[in-house]
Amino acid sequence: MPQPDHVTRLIDADETGLDDDLKAYLAKCDEKLGMIPNVLRAYALRPEKLRVFSRMYNEVMLGESGLSKLEREMIAVAVSSANRCYYCLVAHGQAVRALSGEPELGEMLAFNYRVADLPARQRAMLDFSWKLSQTPQDIAEEDREALRCVGFSDEDIFDICDVAAFFNYTNRVAHGTDMMPNGAYHAMNR
């Protein structure tokens, strides 16, 4: 049985009415990815929010960092697992499969990152991200120190927090709007 075919349960944005900069951005995504991610179609309902979302995503996920692109995608999947966010588990699980070259890793992280045989650095990063998502009020200096002990700098710790917080936010938008991932993600990098 295929997933529902809507982008969100809200009205669809009229992408033809977007400003030229946003049309160009969506066209670039389509060219690079072979599709326009549904999250961008969803944010097109509020064009200025699409601009802000895109800038933030690009900074958090692609900007300069001591975290690799794969590590940032791993955080996205672990956080989305904690929040049971279907959209991000599918979309970012595919990114983990693509970046790691390991189809199983995306699923392990989606269902229970603890079953994956990860290096201590990545295990500590995901433990921290999970705790920040589930019980943020319990984060203490010992949690940051555990990250330092496996080689993360304070700048890296900030970036871990930033990625985890960004996906806690986007997961809630996806839940609230009943956002569906592009169906193409399911078959990619398997």
N, C-alpha and C. Protein backbone atom coordinates (compact mmCIF):
# COMPACT_ATOMS: atom_id res chain seq x y z
N MET A 1 0.86 -1.18 0.00
CA MET A 1 0.00 0.00 0.00
C MET A 1 0.90 1.24 0.00
N PRO A 2 0.72 2.11 -0.95
CA PRO A 2 1.55 3.33 -1.00
C PRO A 2 1.12 4.34 0.06
N GLN A 3 2.03 5.24 0.36
CA GLN A 3 1.72 6.31 1.31
C GLN A 3 0.69 7.26 0.70
N PRO A 4 0.01 8.07 1.52
CA PRO A 4 -0.92 9.06 0.97
C PRO A 4 -0.21 9.97 -0.03
N ASP A 5 -0.96 10.49 -0.99
CA ASP A 5 -0.33 11.25 -2.06
C ASP A 5 -0.36 12.76 -1.87
N HIS A 6 -0.72 13.24 -0.71
CA HIS A 6 -0.71 14.69 -0.48
C HIS A 6 0.69 15.15 -0.04
N VAL A 7 0.95 16.44 -0.20
CA VAL A 7 2.19 17.03 0.32
C VAL A 7 1.98 17.34 1.80
N THR A 8 0.92 18.07 2.10
CA THR A 8 0.47 18.31 3.48
C THR A 8 -1.05 18.27 3.48
N ARG A 9 -1.64 18.35 4.66
CA ARG A 9 -3.10 18.43 4.76
C ARG A 9 -3.59 19.86 4.70
N LEU A 10 -2.69 20.79 4.40
CA LEU A 10 -3.05 22.19 4.20
C LEU A 10 -3.20 22.43 2.70
N ILE A 11 -3.66 23.60 2.33
CA ILE A 11 -3.80 23.88 0.90
C ILE A 11 -2.42 23.86 0.24
N ASP A 12 -2.38 23.42 -0.99
CA ASP A 12 -1.12 23.41 -1.74
C ASP A 12 -0.75 24.83 -2.14
N ALA A 13 0.52 25.12 -2.04
CA ALA A 13 1.02 26.44 -2.46
C ALA A 13 1.00 26.52 -3.98
N ASP A 14 0.77 27.70 -4.48
CA ASP A 14 0.85 27.94 -5.92
C ASP A 14 2.28 28.34 -6.24
N GLU A 15 3.08 27.36 -6.64
CA GLU A 15 4.51 27.61 -6.90
C GLU A 15 4.72 28.56 -8.07
N THR A 16 3.75 28.66 -8.96
CA THR A 16 3.90 29.57 -10.10
C THR A 16 3.86 31.02 -9.64
N GLY A 17 3.28 31.29 -8.48
CA GLY A 17 3.19 32.65 -7.96
C GLY A 17 4.37 33.07 -7.12
N LEU A 18 5.36 32.20 -6.97
CA LEU A 18 6.53 32.53 -6.15
C LEU A 18 7.40 33.56 -6.85
N ASP A 19 8.15 34.31 -6.06
CA ASP A 19 9.13 35.25 -6.60
C ASP A 19 10.21 34.47 -7.37
N ASP A 20 10.88 35.16 -8.26
CA ASP A 20 11.86 34.53 -9.14
C ASP A 20 12.98 33.82 -8.37
N ASP A 21 13.43 34.41 -7.24
CA ASP A 21 14.50 33.77 -6.48
C ASP A 21 14.07 32.41 -5.95
N LEU A 22 12.83 32.29 -5.52
CA LEU A 22 12.34 31.02 -5.00
C LEU A 22 12.10 30.01 -6.12
N LYS A 23 11.59 30.49 -7.25
CA LYS A 23 11.43 29.61 -8.41
C LYS A 23 12.79 29.05 -8.83
N ALA A 24 13.80 29.90 -8.83
CA ALA A 24 15.14 29.46 -9.21
C ALA A 24 15.69 28.44 -8.21
N TYR A 25 15.42 28.66 -6.92
CA TYR A 25 15.87 27.73 -5.89
C TYR A 25 15.21 26.36 -6.08
N LEU A 26 13.91 26.35 -6.30
CA LEU A 26 13.20 25.08 -6.51
C LEU A 26 13.69 24.39 -7.78
N ALA A 27 13.96 25.17 -8.83
CA ALA A 27 14.47 24.59 -10.08
C ALA A 27 15.85 23.97 -9.86
N LYS A 28 16.68 24.63 -9.05
CA LYS A 28 18.02 24.10 -8.76
C LYS A 28 17.90 22.79 -7.98
N CYS A 29 16.98 22.74 -7.02
CA CYS A 29 16.75 21.49 -6.27
C CYS A 29 16.31 20.38 -7.22
N ASP A 30 15.39 20.70 -8.10
CA ASP A 30 14.88 19.71 -9.05
C ASP A 30 16.01 19.21 -9.95
N GLU A 31 16.87 20.12 -10.38
CA GLU A 31 18.01 19.75 -11.23
C GLU A 31 18.99 18.85 -10.48
N LYS A 32 19.32 19.21 -9.24
CA LYS A 32 20.31 18.46 -8.46
C LYS A 32 19.77 17.13 -7.96
N LEU A 33 18.53 17.13 -7.51
CA LEU A 33 17.96 15.96 -6.84
C LEU A 33 17.04 15.13 -7.73
N GLY A 34 16.61 15.72 -8.83
CA GLY A 34 15.65 15.05 -9.68
C GLY A 34 14.22 15.18 -9.17
N MET A 35 14.04 16.03 -8.19
CA MET A 35 12.71 16.28 -7.61
C MET A 35 12.80 17.53 -6.75
N ILE A 36 11.65 18.08 -6.44
CA ILE A 36 11.58 19.16 -5.46
C ILE A 36 11.09 18.52 -4.16
N PRO A 37 11.92 18.52 -3.12
CA PRO A 37 11.49 17.90 -1.87
C PRO A 37 10.17 18.51 -1.38
N ASN A 38 9.29 17.64 -0.93
CA ASN A 38 7.97 18.09 -0.48
C ASN A 38 8.05 19.10 0.66
N VAL A 39 9.11 19.06 1.45
CA VAL A 39 9.23 20.05 2.52
C VAL A 39 9.30 21.46 1.93
N LEU A 40 9.96 21.60 0.79
CA LEU A 40 10.04 22.91 0.14
C LEU A 40 8.69 23.29 -0.46
N ARG A 41 7.99 22.34 -1.01
CA ARG A 41 6.64 22.61 -1.52
C ARG A 41 5.72 23.04 -0.37
N ALA A 42 5.89 22.41 0.78
CA ALA A 42 5.07 22.76 1.95
C ALA A 42 5.37 24.19 2.40
N TYR A 43 6.65 24.52 2.51
CA TYR A 43 7.04 25.86 2.96
C TYR A 43 6.69 26.94 1.93
N ALA A 44 6.47 26.55 0.68
CA ALA A 44 6.09 27.52 -0.35
C ALA A 44 4.75 28.17 -0.05
N LEU A 45 3.97 27.58 0.83
CA LEU A 45 2.72 28.19 1.27
C LEU A 45 2.98 29.55 1.92
N ARG A 46 4.15 29.67 2.54
CA ARG A 46 4.57 30.91 3.21
C ARG A 46 5.95 31.27 2.65
N PRO A 47 6.02 31.99 1.53
CA PRO A 47 7.28 32.21 0.82
C PRO A 47 8.43 32.75 1.67
N GLU A 48 8.17 33.68 2.56
CA GLU A 48 9.28 34.20 3.37
C GLU A 48 9.80 33.12 4.31
N LYS A 49 8.92 32.28 4.81
CA LYS A 49 9.36 31.16 5.65
C LYS A 49 10.17 30.15 4.84
N LEU A 50 9.83 29.98 3.56
CA LEU A 50 10.63 29.12 2.68
C LEU A 50 12.05 29.67 2.55
N ARG A 51 12.16 30.98 2.39
CA ARG A 51 13.50 31.60 2.31
C ARG A 51 14.29 31.35 3.60
N VAL A 52 13.65 31.59 4.72
CA VAL A 52 14.33 31.42 6.02
C VAL A 52 14.67 29.96 6.25
N PHE A 53 13.71 29.07 6.00
CA PHE A 53 13.94 27.62 6.16
C PHE A 53 15.13 27.18 5.31
N SER A 54 15.15 27.60 4.05
CA SER A 54 16.21 27.17 3.14
C SER A 54 17.58 27.68 3.59
N ARG A 55 17.64 28.93 4.02
CA ARG A 55 18.92 29.48 4.52
C ARG A 55 19.37 28.72 5.76
N MET A 56 18.43 28.48 6.67
CA MET A 56 18.79 27.78 7.91
C MET A 56 19.23 26.35 7.61
N TYR A 57 18.46 25.65 6.79
CA TYR A 57 18.83 24.28 6.43
C TYR A 57 20.23 24.25 5.82
N ASN A 58 20.47 25.13 4.86
CA ASN A 58 21.77 25.13 4.19
C ASN A 58 22.91 25.43 5.16
N GLU A 59 22.68 26.31 6.12
CA GLU A 59 23.72 26.61 7.11
C GLU A 59 23.92 25.43 8.06
N VAL A 60 22.84 24.91 8.59
CA VAL A 60 22.93 23.82 9.58
C VAL A 60 23.50 22.54 8.96
N MET A 61 23.03 22.20 7.76
CA MET A 61 23.38 20.91 7.19
C MET A 61 24.56 20.95 6.21
N LEU A 62 24.83 22.11 5.64
CA LEU A 62 25.88 22.18 4.62
C LEU A 62 26.99 23.18 4.96
N GLY A 63 26.78 23.99 6.00
CA GLY A 63 27.76 25.00 6.37
C GLY A 63 29.02 24.40 6.97
N GLU A 64 30.00 25.26 7.17
CA GLU A 64 31.28 24.85 7.74
C GLU A 64 31.05 24.25 9.14
N SER A 65 31.65 23.10 9.38
CA SER A 65 31.46 22.42 10.66
C SER A 65 32.51 21.33 10.82
N GLY A 66 32.79 20.99 12.06
CA GLY A 66 33.62 19.82 12.37
C GLY A 66 32.84 18.53 12.22
N LEU A 67 31.52 18.63 12.00
CA LEU A 67 30.69 17.46 11.77
C LEU A 67 30.63 17.20 10.27
N SER A 68 30.75 15.95 9.90
CA SER A 68 30.61 15.61 8.48
C SER A 68 29.15 15.71 8.07
N LYS A 69 28.92 15.75 6.78
CA LYS A 69 27.55 15.75 6.26
C LYS A 69 26.83 14.48 6.73
N LEU A 70 27.51 13.35 6.69
CA LEU A 70 26.90 12.10 7.17
C LEU A 70 26.52 12.21 8.64
N GLU A 71 27.41 12.74 9.46
CA GLU A 71 27.09 12.86 10.90
C GLU A 71 25.87 13.75 11.12
N ARG A 72 25.76 14.82 10.37
CA ARG A 72 24.59 15.69 10.51
C ARG A 72 23.32 14.96 10.08
N GLU A 73 23.40 14.17 9.02
CA GLU A 73 22.24 13.39 8.59
C GLU A 73 21.90 12.30 9.62
N MET A 74 22.92 11.74 10.24
CA MET A 74 22.68 10.74 11.29
C MET A 74 21.92 11.37 12.46
N ILE A 75 22.30 12.58 12.84
CA ILE A 75 21.58 13.28 13.90
C ILE A 75 20.13 13.51 13.47
N ALA A 76 19.93 13.94 12.23
CA ALA A 76 18.58 14.18 11.73
C ALA A 76 17.72 12.93 11.87
N VAL A 77 18.27 11.78 11.54
CA VAL A 77 17.50 10.53 11.61
C VAL A 77 17.26 10.13 13.06
N ALA A 78 18.27 10.23 13.92
CA ALA A 78 18.07 9.84 15.33
C ALA A 78 17.03 10.73 16.00
N VAL A 79 17.12 12.03 15.77
CA VAL A 79 16.13 12.96 16.33
C VAL A 79 14.74 12.64 15.79
N SER A 80 14.66 12.40 14.49
CA SER A 80 13.37 12.10 13.88
C SER A 80 12.81 10.77 14.37
N SER A 81 13.69 9.84 14.72
CA SER A 81 13.24 8.59 15.34
C SER A 81 12.66 8.86 16.72
N ALA A 82 13.34 9.70 17.48
CA ALA A 82 12.83 10.05 18.82
C ALA A 82 11.45 10.69 18.72
N ASN A 83 11.22 11.45 17.64
CA ASN A 83 9.96 12.16 17.45
C ASN A 83 8.97 11.41 16.56
N ARG A 84 9.38 10.24 16.05
CA ARG A 84 8.55 9.45 15.15
C ARG A 84 8.06 10.27 13.95
N CYS A 85 8.97 11.02 13.35
CA CYS A 85 8.62 11.88 12.22
C CYS A 85 8.81 11.12 10.91
N TYR A 86 7.70 10.69 10.34
CA TYR A 86 7.73 9.90 9.11
C TYR A 86 8.47 10.62 7.99
N TYR A 87 8.15 11.90 7.76
CA TYR A 87 8.78 12.64 6.67
C TYR A 87 10.30 12.57 6.79
N CYS A 88 10.83 12.98 7.92
CA CYS A 88 12.29 13.08 8.06
C CYS A 88 12.97 11.73 8.15
N LEU A 89 12.29 10.73 8.70
CA LEU A 89 12.88 9.39 8.72
C LEU A 89 13.08 8.88 7.30
N VAL A 90 12.09 9.10 6.43
CA VAL A 90 12.21 8.64 5.05
C VAL A 90 13.25 9.47 4.30
N ALA A 91 13.13 10.79 4.34
CA ALA A 91 14.02 11.66 3.56
C ALA A 91 15.46 11.60 4.04
N HIS A 92 15.67 11.69 5.33
CA HIS A 92 17.04 11.72 5.85
C HIS A 92 17.62 10.32 6.02
N GLY A 93 16.75 9.33 6.16
CA GLY A 93 17.22 7.94 6.11
C GLY A 93 17.85 7.65 4.76
N GLN A 94 17.22 8.18 3.69
CA GLN A 94 17.78 8.03 2.34
C GLN A 94 19.13 8.73 2.24
N ALA A 95 19.25 9.90 2.84
CA ALA A 95 20.53 10.63 2.81
C ALA A 95 21.62 9.84 3.52
N VAL A 96 21.28 9.21 4.65
CA VAL A 96 22.27 8.37 5.36
C VAL A 96 22.68 7.20 4.46
N ARG A 97 21.71 6.57 3.79
CA ARG A 97 22.05 5.46 2.88
C ARG A 97 23.00 5.95 1.78
N ALA A 98 22.70 7.10 1.21
CA ALA A 98 23.51 7.63 0.11
C ALA A 98 24.91 8.00 0.57
N LEU A 99 25.01 8.70 1.68
CA LEU A 99 26.31 9.19 2.14
C LEU A 99 27.19 8.08 2.73
N SER A 100 26.57 7.11 3.36
CA SER A 100 27.35 6.04 4.01
C SER A 100 27.64 4.89 3.06
N GLY A 101 26.82 4.74 2.02
CA GLY A 101 26.95 3.58 1.14
C GLY A 101 26.47 2.30 1.81
N GLU A 102 25.79 2.43 2.94
CA GLU A 102 25.31 1.28 3.70
C GLU A 102 23.79 1.37 3.85
N PRO A 103 23.03 0.66 3.02
CA PRO A 103 21.57 0.75 3.10
C PRO A 103 21.02 0.41 4.49
N GLU A 104 21.66 -0.51 5.18
CA GLU A 104 21.16 -0.91 6.49
C GLU A 104 21.27 0.19 7.53
N LEU A 105 22.27 1.06 7.39
CA LEU A 105 22.51 2.08 8.41
C LEU A 105 21.32 3.02 8.55
N GLY A 106 20.73 3.44 7.43
CA GLY A 106 19.57 4.32 7.50
C GLY A 106 18.44 3.71 8.30
N GLU A 107 18.18 2.42 8.09
CA GLU A 107 17.11 1.75 8.82
C GLU A 107 17.45 1.55 10.30
N MET A 108 18.69 1.17 10.57
CA MET A 108 19.08 1.00 11.98
C MET A 108 18.90 2.30 12.74
N LEU A 109 19.35 3.41 12.16
CA LEU A 109 19.21 4.70 12.83
C LEU A 109 17.75 5.08 12.99
N ALA A 110 16.93 4.76 12.01
CA ALA A 110 15.51 5.11 12.07
C ALA A 110 14.78 4.32 13.15
N PHE A 111 15.08 3.05 13.27
CA PHE A 111 14.36 2.22 14.22
C PHE A 111 14.96 2.25 15.62
N ASN A 112 16.29 2.20 15.70
CA ASN A 112 16.96 2.20 17.00
C ASN A 112 18.46 2.34 16.75
N TYR A 113 18.96 3.56 16.81
CA TYR A 113 20.37 3.81 16.48
C TYR A 113 21.30 2.98 17.36
N ARG A 114 20.85 2.53 18.51
CA ARG A 114 21.71 1.79 19.43
C ARG A 114 22.11 0.41 18.89
N VAL A 115 21.37 -0.12 17.90
CA VAL A 115 21.74 -1.43 17.34
C VAL A 115 22.86 -1.31 16.33
N ALA A 116 23.15 -0.11 15.86
CA ALA A 116 24.22 0.08 14.87
C ALA A 116 25.58 0.02 15.56
N ASP A 117 26.52 -0.65 14.91
CA ASP A 117 27.90 -0.74 15.41
C ASP A 117 28.63 0.53 14.98
N LEU A 118 28.54 1.56 15.81
CA LEU A 118 29.08 2.88 15.48
C LEU A 118 30.37 3.15 16.24
N PRO A 119 31.24 3.97 15.67
CA PRO A 119 32.41 4.43 16.42
C PRO A 119 31.95 5.22 17.66
N ALA A 120 32.79 5.26 18.67
CA ALA A 120 32.45 5.93 19.93
C ALA A 120 32.03 7.38 19.70
N ARG A 121 32.68 8.06 18.76
CA ARG A 121 32.35 9.46 18.47
C ARG A 121 30.90 9.60 18.04
N GLN A 122 30.49 8.78 17.08
CA GLN A 122 29.12 8.88 16.58
C GLN A 122 28.10 8.38 17.61
N ARG A 123 28.46 7.37 18.37
CA ARG A 123 27.55 6.88 19.42
C ARG A 123 27.29 7.99 20.43
N ALA A 124 28.35 8.67 20.88
CA ALA A 124 28.19 9.75 21.86
C ALA A 124 27.36 10.90 21.27
N MET A 125 27.60 11.22 20.01
CA MET A 125 26.86 12.29 19.32
C MET A 125 25.37 11.96 19.28
N LEU A 126 25.02 10.72 18.96
CA LEU A 126 23.62 10.34 18.87
C LEU A 126 22.99 10.20 20.26
N ASP A 127 23.75 9.71 21.23
CA ASP A 127 23.23 9.66 22.61
C ASP A 127 22.86 11.07 23.08
N PHE A 128 23.73 12.02 22.82
CA PHE A 128 23.49 13.41 23.22
C PHE A 128 22.26 13.96 22.49
N SER A 129 22.20 13.74 21.18
CA SER A 129 21.08 14.25 20.38
C SER A 129 19.75 13.66 20.81
N TRP A 130 19.75 12.37 21.13
CA TRP A 130 18.53 11.70 21.61
C TRP A 130 18.09 12.33 22.94
N LYS A 131 19.03 12.48 23.85
CA LYS A 131 18.69 13.06 25.16
C LYS A 131 18.21 14.49 24.99
N LEU A 132 18.86 15.27 24.13
CA LEU A 132 18.44 16.64 23.89
C LEU A 132 17.02 16.69 23.32
N SER A 133 16.64 15.66 22.59
CA SER A 133 15.29 15.59 22.00
C SER A 133 14.24 15.09 23.00
N GLN A 134 14.61 14.15 23.83
CA GLN A 134 13.65 13.51 24.73
C GLN A 134 13.54 14.19 26.10
N THR A 135 14.68 14.55 26.67
CA THR A 135 14.69 15.16 28.00
C THR A 135 15.70 16.31 28.02
N PRO A 136 15.42 17.37 27.27
CA PRO A 136 16.40 18.46 27.15
C PRO A 136 16.75 19.10 28.49
N GLN A 137 15.83 19.11 29.40
CA GLN A 137 16.10 19.71 30.71
C GLN A 137 17.14 18.93 31.51
N ASP A 138 17.43 17.70 31.10
CA ASP A 138 18.41 16.87 31.82
C ASP A 138 19.83 16.99 31.27
N ILE A 139 20.02 17.73 30.19
CA ILE A 139 21.38 17.92 29.66
C ILE A 139 22.20 18.67 30.70
N ALA A 140 23.38 18.13 30.98
CA ALA A 140 24.26 18.72 31.99
C ALA A 140 25.70 18.73 31.46
N GLU A 141 26.58 19.31 32.23
CA GLU A 141 27.98 19.41 31.82
C GLU A 141 28.58 18.03 31.55
N GLU A 142 28.17 17.03 32.27
CA GLU A 142 28.70 15.68 32.03
C GLU A 142 28.36 15.19 30.61
N ASP A 143 27.23 15.62 30.08
CA ASP A 143 26.87 15.24 28.71
C ASP A 143 27.79 15.91 27.69
N ARG A 144 28.07 17.19 27.91
CA ARG A 144 29.00 17.90 27.02
C ARG A 144 30.41 17.33 27.17
N GLU A 145 30.78 16.99 28.36
CA GLU A 145 32.12 16.42 28.60
C GLU A 145 32.27 15.06 27.91
N ALA A 146 31.21 14.29 27.87
CA ALA A 146 31.26 13.00 27.16
C ALA A 146 31.55 13.22 25.68
N LEU A 147 31.03 14.29 25.12
CA LEU A 147 31.33 14.61 23.72
C LEU A 147 32.78 15.05 23.56
N ARG A 148 33.26 15.86 24.50
CA ARG A 148 34.66 16.30 24.43
C ARG A 148 35.61 15.11 24.52
N CYS A 149 35.25 14.13 25.34
CA CYS A 149 36.12 12.95 25.53
C CYS A 149 36.29 12.12 24.27
N VAL A 150 35.37 12.23 23.32
CA VAL A 150 35.51 11.48 22.07
C VAL A 150 35.97 12.39 20.92
N GLY A 151 36.43 13.60 21.27
CA GLY A 151 37.08 14.45 20.28
C GLY A 151 36.28 15.61 19.73
N PHE A 152 35.09 15.86 20.23
CA PHE A 152 34.32 17.00 19.75
C PHE A 152 34.79 18.28 20.42
N SER A 153 34.95 19.32 19.63
CA SER A 153 35.28 20.64 20.17
C SER A 153 34.00 21.31 20.65
N ASP A 154 34.14 22.42 21.34
CA ASP A 154 32.95 23.15 21.77
C ASP A 154 32.14 23.65 20.57
N GLU A 155 32.84 24.02 19.49
CA GLU A 155 32.14 24.43 18.27
C GLU A 155 31.33 23.26 17.70
N ASP A 156 31.92 22.06 17.74
CA ASP A 156 31.21 20.86 17.28
C ASP A 156 29.98 20.58 18.15
N ILE A 157 30.13 20.76 19.45
CA ILE A 157 29.00 20.53 20.37
C ILE A 157 27.88 21.52 20.05
N PHE A 158 28.24 22.76 19.77
CA PHE A 158 27.22 23.73 19.36
C PHE A 158 26.51 23.24 18.11
N ASP A 159 27.29 22.73 17.13
CA ASP A 159 26.70 22.25 15.89
C ASP A 159 25.80 21.04 16.11
N ILE A 160 26.17 20.15 17.01
CA ILE A 160 25.31 19.01 17.35
C ILE A 160 23.99 19.52 17.91
N CYS A 161 24.07 20.47 18.83
CA CYS A 161 22.85 21.07 19.39
C CYS A 161 22.01 21.73 18.31
N ASP A 162 22.66 22.44 17.41
CA ASP A 162 21.97 23.17 16.35
C ASP A 162 21.23 22.22 15.42
N VAL A 163 21.89 21.14 14.99
CA VAL A 163 21.26 20.17 14.11
C VAL A 163 20.09 19.48 14.83
N ALA A 164 20.33 19.05 16.05
CA ALA A 164 19.26 18.37 16.81
C ALA A 164 18.07 19.31 17.01
N ALA A 165 18.33 20.55 17.37
CA ALA A 165 17.24 21.51 17.60
C ALA A 165 16.49 21.79 16.31
N PHE A 166 17.21 21.93 15.19
CA PHE A 166 16.57 22.20 13.91
C PHE A 166 15.60 21.07 13.56
N PHE A 167 16.02 19.83 13.76
CA PHE A 167 15.14 18.72 13.40
C PHE A 167 14.02 18.52 14.41
N ASN A 168 14.23 18.87 15.65
CA ASN A 168 13.09 18.85 16.59
C ASN A 168 12.03 19.85 16.11
N TYR A 169 12.46 21.00 15.63
CA TYR A 169 11.54 21.99 15.08
C TYR A 169 10.84 21.48 13.82
N THR A 170 11.63 21.03 12.83
CA THR A 170 11.02 20.63 11.57
C THR A 170 10.13 19.40 11.73
N ASN A 171 10.48 18.51 12.65
CA ASN A 171 9.63 17.35 12.90
C ASN A 171 8.24 17.79 13.36
N ARG A 172 8.20 18.83 14.17
CA ARG A 172 6.91 19.30 14.67
C ARG A 172 6.08 19.96 13.56
N VAL A 173 6.75 20.67 12.66
CA VAL A 173 6.03 21.24 11.51
C VAL A 173 5.50 20.10 10.64
N ALA A 174 6.31 19.09 10.40
CA ALA A 174 5.88 17.95 9.58
C ALA A 174 4.69 17.23 10.22
N HIS A 175 4.76 17.01 11.53
CA HIS A 175 3.63 16.38 12.22
C HIS A 175 2.38 17.24 12.14
N GLY A 176 2.53 18.51 12.43
CA GLY A 176 1.39 19.41 12.49
C GLY A 176 0.68 19.58 11.16
N THR A 177 1.42 19.46 10.05
CA THR A 177 0.82 19.63 8.72
C THR A 177 0.54 18.31 8.02
N ASP A 178 0.92 17.20 8.64
CA ASP A 178 0.83 15.86 8.04
C ASP A 178 1.59 15.83 6.71
N MET A 179 2.83 16.29 6.77
CA MET A 179 3.69 16.37 5.59
C MET A 179 4.15 14.96 5.18
N MET A 180 4.06 14.68 3.90
CA MET A 180 4.49 13.40 3.34
C MET A 180 5.78 13.58 2.56
N PRO A 181 6.71 12.62 2.69
CA PRO A 181 7.94 12.69 1.90
C PRO A 181 7.67 12.34 0.44
N ASN A 182 8.55 12.75 -0.42
CA ASN A 182 8.46 12.34 -1.83
C ASN A 182 8.58 10.82 -1.89
N GLY A 183 7.70 10.20 -2.65
CA GLY A 183 7.72 8.75 -2.78
C GLY A 183 9.03 8.21 -3.32
N ALA A 184 9.73 9.00 -4.12
CA ALA A 184 10.99 8.54 -4.72
C ALA A 184 12.05 8.18 -3.69
N TYR A 185 12.01 8.79 -2.51
CA TYR A 185 13.01 8.49 -1.48
C TYR A 185 13.05 7.02 -1.11
N HIS A 186 11.89 6.37 -1.11
CA HIS A 186 11.80 5.00 -0.62
C HIS A 186 12.71 4.02 -1.39
N ALA A 187 12.86 4.23 -2.67
CA ALA A 187 13.62 3.29 -3.48
C ALA A 187 15.08 3.68 -3.68
N MET A 188 15.45 4.85 -3.24
CA MET A 188 16.80 5.35 -3.52
C MET A 188 17.85 4.71 -2.61
N ASN A 189 19.02 4.44 -3.20
CA ASN A 189 20.22 3.96 -2.47
C ASN A 189 19.97 2.68 -1.71
N ARG A 190 19.27 1.77 -2.33
CA ARG A 190 19.01 0.47 -1.70
C ARG A 190 19.85 -0.60 -2.38
